[in-house]
PDBML (XML) file of the C-alpha atoms, coordinates in Angstrom:
<?xml version="1.0" encoding="UTF-8" ?>
<PDBx:datablock datablockName="MODEL"
   xmlns:PDBx="http://pdbml.pdb.org/schema/pdbx-v50.xsd"
   xmlns:xsi="http://www.w3.org/2001/XMLSchema-instance"
   xsi:schemaLocation="http://pdbml.pdb.org/schema/pdbx-v50.xsd pdbx-v50.xsd">
   <PDBx:atom_siteCategory>
      <PDBx:atom_site id="1">
         <PDBx:B_iso_or_equiv>0.00</PDBx:B_iso_or_equiv>
         <PDBx:Cartn_x>114.995</PDBx:Cartn_x>
         <PDBx:Cartn_y>92.859</PDBx:Cartn_y>
         <PDBx:Cartn_z>100.437</PDBx:Cartn_z>
         <PDBx:auth_asym_id>A</PDBx:auth_asym_id>
         <PDBx:auth_atom_id>CA</PDBx:auth_atom_id>
         <PDBx:auth_comp_id>UNK</PDBx:auth_comp_id>
         <PDBx:auth_seq_id>1</PDBx:auth_seq_id>
         <PDBx:group_PDB>ATOM</PDBx:group_PDB>
         <PDBx:label_alt_id xsi:nil="true" />
         <PDBx:label_asym_id>A</PDBx:label_asym_id>
         <PDBx:label_atom_id>CA</PDBx:label_atom_id>
         <PDBx:label_comp_id>UNK</PDBx:label_comp_id>
         <PDBx:label_entity_id>1</PDBx:label_entity_id>
         <PDBx:label_seq_id>1</PDBx:label_seq_id>
         <PDBx:occupancy>1.00</PDBx:occupancy>
         <PDBx:pdbx_PDB_model_num>1</PDBx:pdbx_PDB_model_num>
         <PDBx:type_symbol>C</PDBx:type_symbol>
      </PDBx:atom_site>
      <PDBx:atom_site id="2">
         <PDBx:B_iso_or_equiv>0.00</PDBx:B_iso_or_equiv>
         <PDBx:Cartn_x>114.839</PDBx:Cartn_x>
         <PDBx:Cartn_y>95.913</PDBx:Cartn_y>
         <PDBx:Cartn_z>102.720</PDBx:Cartn_z>
         <PDBx:auth_asym_id>A</PDBx:auth_asym_id>
         <PDBx:auth_atom_id>CA</PDBx:auth_atom_id>
         <PDBx:auth_comp_id>UNK</PDBx:auth_comp_id>
         <PDBx:auth_seq_id>2</PDBx:auth_seq_id>
         <PDBx:group_PDB>ATOM</PDBx:group_PDB>
         <PDBx:label_alt_id xsi:nil="true" />
         <PDBx:label_asym_id>A</PDBx:label_asym_id>
         <PDBx:label_atom_id>CA</PDBx:label_atom_id>
         <PDBx:label_comp_id>UNK</PDBx:label_comp_id>
         <PDBx:label_entity_id>1</PDBx:label_entity_id>
         <PDBx:label_seq_id>2</PDBx:label_seq_id>
         <PDBx:occupancy>1.00</PDBx:occupancy>
         <PDBx:pdbx_PDB_model_num>1</PDBx:pdbx_PDB_model_num>
         <PDBx:type_symbol>C</PDBx:type_symbol>
      </PDBx:atom_site>
      <PDBx:atom_site id="3">
         <PDBx:B_iso_or_equiv>0.00</PDBx:B_iso_or_equiv>
         <PDBx:Cartn_x>112.308</PDBx:Cartn_x>
         <PDBx:Cartn_y>97.961</PDBx:Cartn_y>
         <PDBx:Cartn_z>100.700</PDBx:Cartn_z>
         <PDBx:auth_asym_id>A</PDBx:auth_asym_id>
         <PDBx:auth_atom_id>CA</PDBx:auth_atom_id>
         <PDBx:auth_comp_id>UNK</PDBx:auth_comp_id>
         <PDBx:auth_seq_id>3</PDBx:auth_seq_id>
         <PDBx:group_PDB>ATOM</PDBx:group_PDB>
         <PDBx:label_alt_id xsi:nil="true" />
         <PDBx:label_asym_id>A</PDBx:label_asym_id>
         <PDBx:label_atom_id>CA</PDBx:label_atom_id>
         <PDBx:label_comp_id>UNK</PDBx:label_comp_id>
         <PDBx:label_entity_id>1</PDBx:label_entity_id>
         <PDBx:label_seq_id>3</PDBx:label_seq_id>
         <PDBx:occupancy>1.00</PDBx:occupancy>
         <PDBx:pdbx_PDB_model_num>1</PDBx:pdbx_PDB_model_num>
         <PDBx:type_symbol>C</PDBx:type_symbol>
      </PDBx:atom_site>
      <PDBx:atom_site id="4">
         <PDBx:B_iso_or_equiv>0.00</PDBx:B_iso_or_equiv>
         <PDBx:Cartn_x>110.431</PDBx:Cartn_x>
         <PDBx:Cartn_y>94.753</PDBx:Cartn_y>
         <PDBx:Cartn_z>99.896</PDBx:Cartn_z>
         <PDBx:auth_asym_id>A</PDBx:auth_asym_id>
         <PDBx:auth_atom_id>CA</PDBx:auth_atom_id>
         <PDBx:auth_comp_id>UNK</PDBx:auth_comp_id>
         <PDBx:auth_seq_id>4</PDBx:auth_seq_id>
         <PDBx:group_PDB>ATOM</PDBx:group_PDB>
         <PDBx:label_alt_id xsi:nil="true" />
         <PDBx:label_asym_id>A</PDBx:label_asym_id>
         <PDBx:label_atom_id>CA</PDBx:label_atom_id>
         <PDBx:label_comp_id>UNK</PDBx:label_comp_id>
         <PDBx:label_entity_id>1</PDBx:label_entity_id>
         <PDBx:label_seq_id>4</PDBx:label_seq_id>
         <PDBx:occupancy>1.00</PDBx:occupancy>
         <PDBx:pdbx_PDB_model_num>1</PDBx:pdbx_PDB_model_num>
         <PDBx:type_symbol>C</PDBx:type_symbol>
      </PDBx:atom_site>
      <PDBx:atom_site id="5">
         <PDBx:B_iso_or_equiv>0.00</PDBx:B_iso_or_equiv>
         <PDBx:Cartn_x>110.049</PDBx:Cartn_x>
         <PDBx:Cartn_y>94.178</PDBx:Cartn_y>
         <PDBx:Cartn_z>103.641</PDBx:Cartn_z>
         <PDBx:auth_asym_id>A</PDBx:auth_asym_id>
         <PDBx:auth_atom_id>CA</PDBx:auth_atom_id>
         <PDBx:auth_comp_id>UNK</PDBx:auth_comp_id>
         <PDBx:auth_seq_id>5</PDBx:auth_seq_id>
         <PDBx:group_PDB>ATOM</PDBx:group_PDB>
         <PDBx:label_alt_id xsi:nil="true" />
         <PDBx:label_asym_id>A</PDBx:label_asym_id>
         <PDBx:label_atom_id>CA</PDBx:label_atom_id>
         <PDBx:label_comp_id>UNK</PDBx:label_comp_id>
         <PDBx:label_entity_id>1</PDBx:label_entity_id>
         <PDBx:label_seq_id>5</PDBx:label_seq_id>
         <PDBx:occupancy>1.00</PDBx:occupancy>
         <PDBx:pdbx_PDB_model_num>1</PDBx:pdbx_PDB_model_num>
         <PDBx:type_symbol>C</PDBx:type_symbol>
      </PDBx:atom_site>
      <PDBx:atom_site id="6">
         <PDBx:B_iso_or_equiv>0.00</PDBx:B_iso_or_equiv>
         <PDBx:Cartn_x>109.119</PDBx:Cartn_x>
         <PDBx:Cartn_y>97.714</PDBx:Cartn_y>
         <PDBx:Cartn_z>104.673</PDBx:Cartn_z>
         <PDBx:auth_asym_id>A</PDBx:auth_asym_id>
         <PDBx:auth_atom_id>CA</PDBx:auth_atom_id>
         <PDBx:auth_comp_id>UNK</PDBx:auth_comp_id>
         <PDBx:auth_seq_id>6</PDBx:auth_seq_id>
         <PDBx:group_PDB>ATOM</PDBx:group_PDB>
         <PDBx:label_alt_id xsi:nil="true" />
         <PDBx:label_asym_id>A</PDBx:label_asym_id>
         <PDBx:label_atom_id>CA</PDBx:label_atom_id>
         <PDBx:label_comp_id>UNK</PDBx:label_comp_id>
         <PDBx:label_entity_id>1</PDBx:label_entity_id>
         <PDBx:label_seq_id>6</PDBx:label_seq_id>
         <PDBx:occupancy>1.00</PDBx:occupancy>
         <PDBx:pdbx_PDB_model_num>1</PDBx:pdbx_PDB_model_num>
         <PDBx:type_symbol>C</PDBx:type_symbol>
      </PDBx:atom_site>
      <PDBx:atom_site id="7">
         <PDBx:B_iso_or_equiv>0.00</PDBx:B_iso_or_equiv>
         <PDBx:Cartn_x>106.669</PDBx:Cartn_x>
         <PDBx:Cartn_y>98.241</PDBx:Cartn_y>
         <PDBx:Cartn_z>101.832</PDBx:Cartn_z>
         <PDBx:auth_asym_id>A</PDBx:auth_asym_id>
         <PDBx:auth_atom_id>CA</PDBx:auth_atom_id>
         <PDBx:auth_comp_id>UNK</PDBx:auth_comp_id>
         <PDBx:auth_seq_id>7</PDBx:auth_seq_id>
         <PDBx:group_PDB>ATOM</PDBx:group_PDB>
         <PDBx:label_alt_id xsi:nil="true" />
         <PDBx:label_asym_id>A</PDBx:label_asym_id>
         <PDBx:label_atom_id>CA</PDBx:label_atom_id>
         <PDBx:label_comp_id>UNK</PDBx:label_comp_id>
         <PDBx:label_entity_id>1</PDBx:label_entity_id>
         <PDBx:label_seq_id>7</PDBx:label_seq_id>
         <PDBx:occupancy>1.00</PDBx:occupancy>
         <PDBx:pdbx_PDB_model_num>1</PDBx:pdbx_PDB_model_num>
         <PDBx:type_symbol>C</PDBx:type_symbol>
      </PDBx:atom_site>
      <PDBx:atom_site id="8">
         <PDBx:B_iso_or_equiv>0.00</PDBx:B_iso_or_equiv>
         <PDBx:Cartn_x>104.947</PDBx:Cartn_x>
         <PDBx:Cartn_y>94.902</PDBx:Cartn_y>
         <PDBx:Cartn_z>102.391</PDBx:Cartn_z>
         <PDBx:auth_asym_id>A</PDBx:auth_asym_id>
         <PDBx:auth_atom_id>CA</PDBx:auth_atom_id>
         <PDBx:auth_comp_id>UNK</PDBx:auth_comp_id>
         <PDBx:auth_seq_id>8</PDBx:auth_seq_id>
         <PDBx:group_PDB>ATOM</PDBx:group_PDB>
         <PDBx:label_alt_id xsi:nil="true" />
         <PDBx:label_asym_id>A</PDBx:label_asym_id>
         <PDBx:label_atom_id>CA</PDBx:label_atom_id>
         <PDBx:label_comp_id>UNK</PDBx:label_comp_id>
         <PDBx:label_entity_id>1</PDBx:label_entity_id>
         <PDBx:label_seq_id>8</PDBx:label_seq_id>
         <PDBx:occupancy>1.00</PDBx:occupancy>
         <PDBx:pdbx_PDB_model_num>1</PDBx:pdbx_PDB_model_num>
         <PDBx:type_symbol>C</PDBx:type_symbol>
      </PDBx:atom_site>
      <PDBx:atom_site id="9">
         <PDBx:B_iso_or_equiv>0.00</PDBx:B_iso_or_equiv>
         <PDBx:Cartn_x>104.430</PDBx:Cartn_x>
         <PDBx:Cartn_y>95.799</PDBx:Cartn_y>
         <PDBx:Cartn_z>106.039</PDBx:Cartn_z>
         <PDBx:auth_asym_id>A</PDBx:auth_asym_id>
         <PDBx:auth_atom_id>CA</PDBx:auth_atom_id>
         <PDBx:auth_comp_id>UNK</PDBx:auth_comp_id>
         <PDBx:auth_seq_id>9</PDBx:auth_seq_id>
         <PDBx:group_PDB>ATOM</PDBx:group_PDB>
         <PDBx:label_alt_id xsi:nil="true" />
         <PDBx:label_asym_id>A</PDBx:label_asym_id>
         <PDBx:label_atom_id>CA</PDBx:label_atom_id>
         <PDBx:label_comp_id>UNK</PDBx:label_comp_id>
         <PDBx:label_entity_id>1</PDBx:label_entity_id>
         <PDBx:label_seq_id>9</PDBx:label_seq_id>
         <PDBx:occupancy>1.00</PDBx:occupancy>
         <PDBx:pdbx_PDB_model_num>1</PDBx:pdbx_PDB_model_num>
         <PDBx:type_symbol>C</PDBx:type_symbol>
      </PDBx:atom_site>
      <PDBx:atom_site id="10">
         <PDBx:B_iso_or_equiv>0.00</PDBx:B_iso_or_equiv>
         <PDBx:Cartn_x>103.111</PDBx:Cartn_x>
         <PDBx:Cartn_y>99.200</PDBx:Cartn_y>
         <PDBx:Cartn_z>104.993</PDBx:Cartn_z>
         <PDBx:auth_asym_id>A</PDBx:auth_asym_id>
         <PDBx:auth_atom_id>CA</PDBx:auth_atom_id>
         <PDBx:auth_comp_id>UNK</PDBx:auth_comp_id>
         <PDBx:auth_seq_id>10</PDBx:auth_seq_id>
         <PDBx:group_PDB>ATOM</PDBx:group_PDB>
         <PDBx:label_alt_id xsi:nil="true" />
         <PDBx:label_asym_id>A</PDBx:label_asym_id>
         <PDBx:label_atom_id>CA</PDBx:label_atom_id>
         <PDBx:label_comp_id>UNK</PDBx:label_comp_id>
         <PDBx:label_entity_id>1</PDBx:label_entity_id>
         <PDBx:label_seq_id>10</PDBx:label_seq_id>
         <PDBx:occupancy>1.00</PDBx:occupancy>
         <PDBx:pdbx_PDB_model_num>1</PDBx:pdbx_PDB_model_num>
         <PDBx:type_symbol>C</PDBx:type_symbol>
      </PDBx:atom_site>
      <PDBx:atom_site id="11">
         <PDBx:B_iso_or_equiv>0.00</PDBx:B_iso_or_equiv>
         <PDBx:Cartn_x>100.727</PDBx:Cartn_x>
         <PDBx:Cartn_y>97.710</PDBx:Cartn_y>
         <PDBx:Cartn_z>102.430</PDBx:Cartn_z>
         <PDBx:auth_asym_id>A</PDBx:auth_asym_id>
         <PDBx:auth_atom_id>CA</PDBx:auth_atom_id>
         <PDBx:auth_comp_id>UNK</PDBx:auth_comp_id>
         <PDBx:auth_seq_id>11</PDBx:auth_seq_id>
         <PDBx:group_PDB>ATOM</PDBx:group_PDB>
         <PDBx:label_alt_id xsi:nil="true" />
         <PDBx:label_asym_id>A</PDBx:label_asym_id>
         <PDBx:label_atom_id>CA</PDBx:label_atom_id>
         <PDBx:label_comp_id>UNK</PDBx:label_comp_id>
         <PDBx:label_entity_id>1</PDBx:label_entity_id>
         <PDBx:label_seq_id>11</PDBx:label_seq_id>
         <PDBx:occupancy>1.00</PDBx:occupancy>
         <PDBx:pdbx_PDB_model_num>1</PDBx:pdbx_PDB_model_num>
         <PDBx:type_symbol>C</PDBx:type_symbol>
      </PDBx:atom_site>
      <PDBx:atom_site id="12">
         <PDBx:B_iso_or_equiv>0.00</PDBx:B_iso_or_equiv>
         <PDBx:Cartn_x>99.384</PDBx:Cartn_x>
         <PDBx:Cartn_y>95.189</PDBx:Cartn_y>
         <PDBx:Cartn_z>104.918</PDBx:Cartn_z>
         <PDBx:auth_asym_id>A</PDBx:auth_asym_id>
         <PDBx:auth_atom_id>CA</PDBx:auth_atom_id>
         <PDBx:auth_comp_id>UNK</PDBx:auth_comp_id>
         <PDBx:auth_seq_id>12</PDBx:auth_seq_id>
         <PDBx:group_PDB>ATOM</PDBx:group_PDB>
         <PDBx:label_alt_id xsi:nil="true" />
         <PDBx:label_asym_id>A</PDBx:label_asym_id>
         <PDBx:label_atom_id>CA</PDBx:label_atom_id>
         <PDBx:label_comp_id>UNK</PDBx:label_comp_id>
         <PDBx:label_entity_id>1</PDBx:label_entity_id>
         <PDBx:label_seq_id>12</PDBx:label_seq_id>
         <PDBx:occupancy>1.00</PDBx:occupancy>
         <PDBx:pdbx_PDB_model_num>1</PDBx:pdbx_PDB_model_num>
         <PDBx:type_symbol>C</PDBx:type_symbol>
      </PDBx:atom_site>
      <PDBx:atom_site id="13">
         <PDBx:B_iso_or_equiv>0.00</PDBx:B_iso_or_equiv>
         <PDBx:Cartn_x>98.937</PDBx:Cartn_x>
         <PDBx:Cartn_y>98.064</PDBx:Cartn_y>
         <PDBx:Cartn_z>107.364</PDBx:Cartn_z>
         <PDBx:auth_asym_id>A</PDBx:auth_asym_id>
         <PDBx:auth_atom_id>CA</PDBx:auth_atom_id>
         <PDBx:auth_comp_id>UNK</PDBx:auth_comp_id>
         <PDBx:auth_seq_id>13</PDBx:auth_seq_id>
         <PDBx:group_PDB>ATOM</PDBx:group_PDB>
         <PDBx:label_alt_id xsi:nil="true" />
         <PDBx:label_asym_id>A</PDBx:label_asym_id>
         <PDBx:label_atom_id>CA</PDBx:label_atom_id>
         <PDBx:label_comp_id>UNK</PDBx:label_comp_id>
         <PDBx:label_entity_id>1</PDBx:label_entity_id>
         <PDBx:label_seq_id>13</PDBx:label_seq_id>
         <PDBx:occupancy>1.00</PDBx:occupancy>
         <PDBx:pdbx_PDB_model_num>1</PDBx:pdbx_PDB_model_num>
         <PDBx:type_symbol>C</PDBx:type_symbol>
      </PDBx:atom_site>
      <PDBx:atom_site id="14">
         <PDBx:B_iso_or_equiv>0.00</PDBx:B_iso_or_equiv>
         <PDBx:Cartn_x>96.688</PDBx:Cartn_x>
         <PDBx:Cartn_y>99.866</PDBx:Cartn_y>
         <PDBx:Cartn_z>104.899</PDBx:Cartn_z>
         <PDBx:auth_asym_id>A</PDBx:auth_asym_id>
         <PDBx:auth_atom_id>CA</PDBx:auth_atom_id>
         <PDBx:auth_comp_id>UNK</PDBx:auth_comp_id>
         <PDBx:auth_seq_id>14</PDBx:auth_seq_id>
         <PDBx:group_PDB>ATOM</PDBx:group_PDB>
         <PDBx:label_alt_id xsi:nil="true" />
         <PDBx:label_asym_id>A</PDBx:label_asym_id>
         <PDBx:label_atom_id>CA</PDBx:label_atom_id>
         <PDBx:label_comp_id>UNK</PDBx:label_comp_id>
         <PDBx:label_entity_id>1</PDBx:label_entity_id>
         <PDBx:label_seq_id>14</PDBx:label_seq_id>
         <PDBx:occupancy>1.00</PDBx:occupancy>
         <PDBx:pdbx_PDB_model_num>1</PDBx:pdbx_PDB_model_num>
         <PDBx:type_symbol>C</PDBx:type_symbol>
      </PDBx:atom_site>
      <PDBx:atom_site id="15">
         <PDBx:B_iso_or_equiv>0.00</PDBx:B_iso_or_equiv>
         <PDBx:Cartn_x>94.674</PDBx:Cartn_x>
         <PDBx:Cartn_y>96.724</PDBx:Cartn_y>
         <PDBx:Cartn_z>104.264</PDBx:Cartn_z>
         <PDBx:auth_asym_id>A</PDBx:auth_asym_id>
         <PDBx:auth_atom_id>CA</PDBx:auth_atom_id>
         <PDBx:auth_comp_id>UNK</PDBx:auth_comp_id>
         <PDBx:auth_seq_id>15</PDBx:auth_seq_id>
         <PDBx:group_PDB>ATOM</PDBx:group_PDB>
         <PDBx:label_alt_id xsi:nil="true" />
         <PDBx:label_asym_id>A</PDBx:label_asym_id>
         <PDBx:label_atom_id>CA</PDBx:label_atom_id>
         <PDBx:label_comp_id>UNK</PDBx:label_comp_id>
         <PDBx:label_entity_id>1</PDBx:label_entity_id>
         <PDBx:label_seq_id>15</PDBx:label_seq_id>
         <PDBx:occupancy>1.00</PDBx:occupancy>
         <PDBx:pdbx_PDB_model_num>1</PDBx:pdbx_PDB_model_num>
         <PDBx:type_symbol>C</PDBx:type_symbol>
      </PDBx:atom_site>
      <PDBx:atom_site id="16">
         <PDBx:B_iso_or_equiv>0.00</PDBx:B_iso_or_equiv>
         <PDBx:Cartn_x>94.378</PDBx:Cartn_x>
         <PDBx:Cartn_y>96.042</PDBx:Cartn_y>
         <PDBx:Cartn_z>107.993</PDBx:Cartn_z>
         <PDBx:auth_asym_id>A</PDBx:auth_asym_id>
         <PDBx:auth_atom_id>CA</PDBx:auth_atom_id>
         <PDBx:auth_comp_id>UNK</PDBx:auth_comp_id>
         <PDBx:auth_seq_id>16</PDBx:auth_seq_id>
         <PDBx:group_PDB>ATOM</PDBx:group_PDB>
         <PDBx:label_alt_id xsi:nil="true" />
         <PDBx:label_asym_id>A</PDBx:label_asym_id>
         <PDBx:label_atom_id>CA</PDBx:label_atom_id>
         <PDBx:label_comp_id>UNK</PDBx:label_comp_id>
         <PDBx:label_entity_id>1</PDBx:label_entity_id>
         <PDBx:label_seq_id>16</PDBx:label_seq_id>
         <PDBx:occupancy>1.00</PDBx:occupancy>
         <PDBx:pdbx_PDB_model_num>1</PDBx:pdbx_PDB_model_num>
         <PDBx:type_symbol>C</PDBx:type_symbol>
      </PDBx:atom_site>
      <PDBx:atom_site id="17">
         <PDBx:B_iso_or_equiv>0.00</PDBx:B_iso_or_equiv>
         <PDBx:Cartn_x>92.819</PDBx:Cartn_x>
         <PDBx:Cartn_y>99.481</PDBx:Cartn_y>
         <PDBx:Cartn_z>108.477</PDBx:Cartn_z>
         <PDBx:auth_asym_id>A</PDBx:auth_asym_id>
         <PDBx:auth_atom_id>CA</PDBx:auth_atom_id>
         <PDBx:auth_comp_id>UNK</PDBx:auth_comp_id>
         <PDBx:auth_seq_id>17</PDBx:auth_seq_id>
         <PDBx:group_PDB>ATOM</PDBx:group_PDB>
         <PDBx:label_alt_id xsi:nil="true" />
         <PDBx:label_asym_id>A</PDBx:label_asym_id>
         <PDBx:label_atom_id>CA</PDBx:label_atom_id>
         <PDBx:label_comp_id>UNK</PDBx:label_comp_id>
         <PDBx:label_entity_id>1</PDBx:label_entity_id>
         <PDBx:label_seq_id>17</PDBx:label_seq_id>
         <PDBx:occupancy>1.00</PDBx:occupancy>
         <PDBx:pdbx_PDB_model_num>1</PDBx:pdbx_PDB_model_num>
         <PDBx:type_symbol>C</PDBx:type_symbol>
      </PDBx:atom_site>
      <PDBx:atom_site id="18">
         <PDBx:B_iso_or_equiv>0.00</PDBx:B_iso_or_equiv>
         <PDBx:Cartn_x>89.683</PDBx:Cartn_x>
         <PDBx:Cartn_y>98.264</PDBx:Cartn_y>
         <PDBx:Cartn_z>106.705</PDBx:Cartn_z>
         <PDBx:auth_asym_id>A</PDBx:auth_asym_id>
         <PDBx:auth_atom_id>CA</PDBx:auth_atom_id>
         <PDBx:auth_comp_id>UNK</PDBx:auth_comp_id>
         <PDBx:auth_seq_id>18</PDBx:auth_seq_id>
         <PDBx:group_PDB>ATOM</PDBx:group_PDB>
         <PDBx:label_alt_id xsi:nil="true" />
         <PDBx:label_asym_id>A</PDBx:label_asym_id>
         <PDBx:label_atom_id>CA</PDBx:label_atom_id>
         <PDBx:label_comp_id>UNK</PDBx:label_comp_id>
         <PDBx:label_entity_id>1</PDBx:label_entity_id>
         <PDBx:label_seq_id>18</PDBx:label_seq_id>
         <PDBx:occupancy>1.00</PDBx:occupancy>
         <PDBx:pdbx_PDB_model_num>1</PDBx:pdbx_PDB_model_num>
         <PDBx:type_symbol>C</PDBx:type_symbol>
      </PDBx:atom_site>
      <PDBx:atom_site id="19">
         <PDBx:B_iso_or_equiv>0.00</PDBx:B_iso_or_equiv>
         <PDBx:Cartn_x>88.303</PDBx:Cartn_x>
         <PDBx:Cartn_y>96.512</PDBx:Cartn_y>
         <PDBx:Cartn_z>109.771</PDBx:Cartn_z>
         <PDBx:auth_asym_id>A</PDBx:auth_asym_id>
         <PDBx:auth_atom_id>CA</PDBx:auth_atom_id>
         <PDBx:auth_comp_id>UNK</PDBx:auth_comp_id>
         <PDBx:auth_seq_id>19</PDBx:auth_seq_id>
         <PDBx:group_PDB>ATOM</PDBx:group_PDB>
         <PDBx:label_alt_id xsi:nil="true" />
         <PDBx:label_asym_id>A</PDBx:label_asym_id>
         <PDBx:label_atom_id>CA</PDBx:label_atom_id>
         <PDBx:label_comp_id>UNK</PDBx:label_comp_id>
         <PDBx:label_entity_id>1</PDBx:label_entity_id>
         <PDBx:label_seq_id>19</PDBx:label_seq_id>
         <PDBx:occupancy>1.00</PDBx:occupancy>
         <PDBx:pdbx_PDB_model_num>1</PDBx:pdbx_PDB_model_num>
         <PDBx:type_symbol>C</PDBx:type_symbol>
      </PDBx:atom_site>
      <PDBx:atom_site id="20">
         <PDBx:B_iso_or_equiv>0.00</PDBx:B_iso_or_equiv>
         <PDBx:Cartn_x>88.893</PDBx:Cartn_x>
         <PDBx:Cartn_y>99.581</PDBx:Cartn_y>
         <PDBx:Cartn_z>111.928</PDBx:Cartn_z>
         <PDBx:auth_asym_id>A</PDBx:auth_asym_id>
         <PDBx:auth_atom_id>CA</PDBx:auth_atom_id>
         <PDBx:auth_comp_id>UNK</PDBx:auth_comp_id>
         <PDBx:auth_seq_id>20</PDBx:auth_seq_id>
         <PDBx:group_PDB>ATOM</PDBx:group_PDB>
         <PDBx:label_alt_id xsi:nil="true" />
         <PDBx:label_asym_id>A</PDBx:label_asym_id>
         <PDBx:label_atom_id>CA</PDBx:label_atom_id>
         <PDBx:label_comp_id>UNK</PDBx:label_comp_id>
         <PDBx:label_entity_id>1</PDBx:label_entity_id>
         <PDBx:label_seq_id>20</PDBx:label_seq_id>
         <PDBx:occupancy>1.00</PDBx:occupancy>
         <PDBx:pdbx_PDB_model_num>1</PDBx:pdbx_PDB_model_num>
         <PDBx:type_symbol>C</PDBx:type_symbol>
      </PDBx:atom_site>
      <PDBx:atom_site id="21">
         <PDBx:B_iso_or_equiv>0.00</PDBx:B_iso_or_equiv>
         <PDBx:Cartn_x>87.118</PDBx:Cartn_x>
         <PDBx:Cartn_y>101.872</PDBx:Cartn_y>
         <PDBx:Cartn_z>109.494</PDBx:Cartn_z>
         <PDBx:auth_asym_id>A</PDBx:auth_asym_id>
         <PDBx:auth_atom_id>CA</PDBx:auth_atom_id>
         <PDBx:auth_comp_id>UNK</PDBx:auth_comp_id>
         <PDBx:auth_seq_id>21</PDBx:auth_seq_id>
         <PDBx:group_PDB>ATOM</PDBx:group_PDB>
         <PDBx:label_alt_id xsi:nil="true" />
         <PDBx:label_asym_id>A</PDBx:label_asym_id>
         <PDBx:label_atom_id>CA</PDBx:label_atom_id>
         <PDBx:label_comp_id>UNK</PDBx:label_comp_id>
         <PDBx:label_entity_id>1</PDBx:label_entity_id>
         <PDBx:label_seq_id>21</PDBx:label_seq_id>
         <PDBx:occupancy>1.00</PDBx:occupancy>
         <PDBx:pdbx_PDB_model_num>1</PDBx:pdbx_PDB_model_num>
         <PDBx:type_symbol>C</PDBx:type_symbol>
      </PDBx:atom_site>
      <PDBx:atom_site id="22">
         <PDBx:B_iso_or_equiv>0.00</PDBx:B_iso_or_equiv>
         <PDBx:Cartn_x>84.273</PDBx:Cartn_x>
         <PDBx:Cartn_y>99.406</PDBx:Cartn_y>
         <PDBx:Cartn_z>109.136</PDBx:Cartn_z>
         <PDBx:auth_asym_id>A</PDBx:auth_asym_id>
         <PDBx:auth_atom_id>CA</PDBx:auth_atom_id>
         <PDBx:auth_comp_id>UNK</PDBx:auth_comp_id>
         <PDBx:auth_seq_id>22</PDBx:auth_seq_id>
         <PDBx:group_PDB>ATOM</PDBx:group_PDB>
         <PDBx:label_alt_id xsi:nil="true" />
         <PDBx:label_asym_id>A</PDBx:label_asym_id>
         <PDBx:label_atom_id>CA</PDBx:label_atom_id>
         <PDBx:label_comp_id>UNK</PDBx:label_comp_id>
         <PDBx:label_entity_id>1</PDBx:label_entity_id>
         <PDBx:label_seq_id>22</PDBx:label_seq_id>
         <PDBx:occupancy>1.00</PDBx:occupancy>
         <PDBx:pdbx_PDB_model_num>1</PDBx:pdbx_PDB_model_num>
         <PDBx:type_symbol>C</PDBx:type_symbol>
      </PDBx:atom_site>
      <PDBx:atom_site id="23">
         <PDBx:B_iso_or_equiv>0.00</PDBx:B_iso_or_equiv>
         <PDBx:Cartn_x>83.665</PDBx:Cartn_x>
         <PDBx:Cartn_y>99.630</PDBx:Cartn_y>
         <PDBx:Cartn_z>112.869</PDBx:Cartn_z>
         <PDBx:auth_asym_id>A</PDBx:auth_asym_id>
         <PDBx:auth_atom_id>CA</PDBx:auth_atom_id>
         <PDBx:auth_comp_id>UNK</PDBx:auth_comp_id>
         <PDBx:auth_seq_id>23</PDBx:auth_seq_id>
         <PDBx:group_PDB>ATOM</PDBx:group_PDB>
         <PDBx:label_alt_id xsi:nil="true" />
         <PDBx:label_asym_id>A</PDBx:label_asym_id>
         <PDBx:label_atom_id>CA</PDBx:label_atom_id>
         <PDBx:label_comp_id>UNK</PDBx:label_comp_id>
         <PDBx:label_entity_id>1</PDBx:label_entity_id>
         <PDBx:label_seq_id>23</PDBx:label_seq_id>
         <PDBx:occupancy>1.00</PDBx:occupancy>
         <PDBx:pdbx_PDB_model_num>1</PDBx:pdbx_PDB_model_num>
         <PDBx:type_symbol>C</PDBx:type_symbol>
      </PDBx:atom_site>
      <PDBx:atom_site id="24">
         <PDBx:B_iso_or_equiv>0.00</PDBx:B_iso_or_equiv>
         <PDBx:Cartn_x>83.927</PDBx:Cartn_x>
         <PDBx:Cartn_y>103.408</PDBx:Cartn_y>
         <PDBx:Cartn_z>112.811</PDBx:Cartn_z>
         <PDBx:auth_asym_id>A</PDBx:auth_asym_id>
         <PDBx:auth_atom_id>CA</PDBx:auth_atom_id>
         <PDBx:auth_comp_id>UNK</PDBx:auth_comp_id>
         <PDBx:auth_seq_id>24</PDBx:auth_seq_id>
         <PDBx:group_PDB>ATOM</PDBx:group_PDB>
         <PDBx:label_alt_id xsi:nil="true" />
         <PDBx:label_asym_id>A</PDBx:label_asym_id>
         <PDBx:label_atom_id>CA</PDBx:label_atom_id>
         <PDBx:label_comp_id>UNK</PDBx:label_comp_id>
         <PDBx:label_entity_id>1</PDBx:label_entity_id>
         <PDBx:label_seq_id>24</PDBx:label_seq_id>
         <PDBx:occupancy>1.00</PDBx:occupancy>
         <PDBx:pdbx_PDB_model_num>1</PDBx:pdbx_PDB_model_num>
         <PDBx:type_symbol>C</PDBx:type_symbol>
      </PDBx:atom_site>
   </PDBx:atom_siteCategory>
</PDBx:datablock>
């Protein structure tokens, strides 16, 4: 549960960076 949680947040963080890089 703990690594599942942290890694899911991390993965979504990477995916969320797409919109920022698109603007850049």
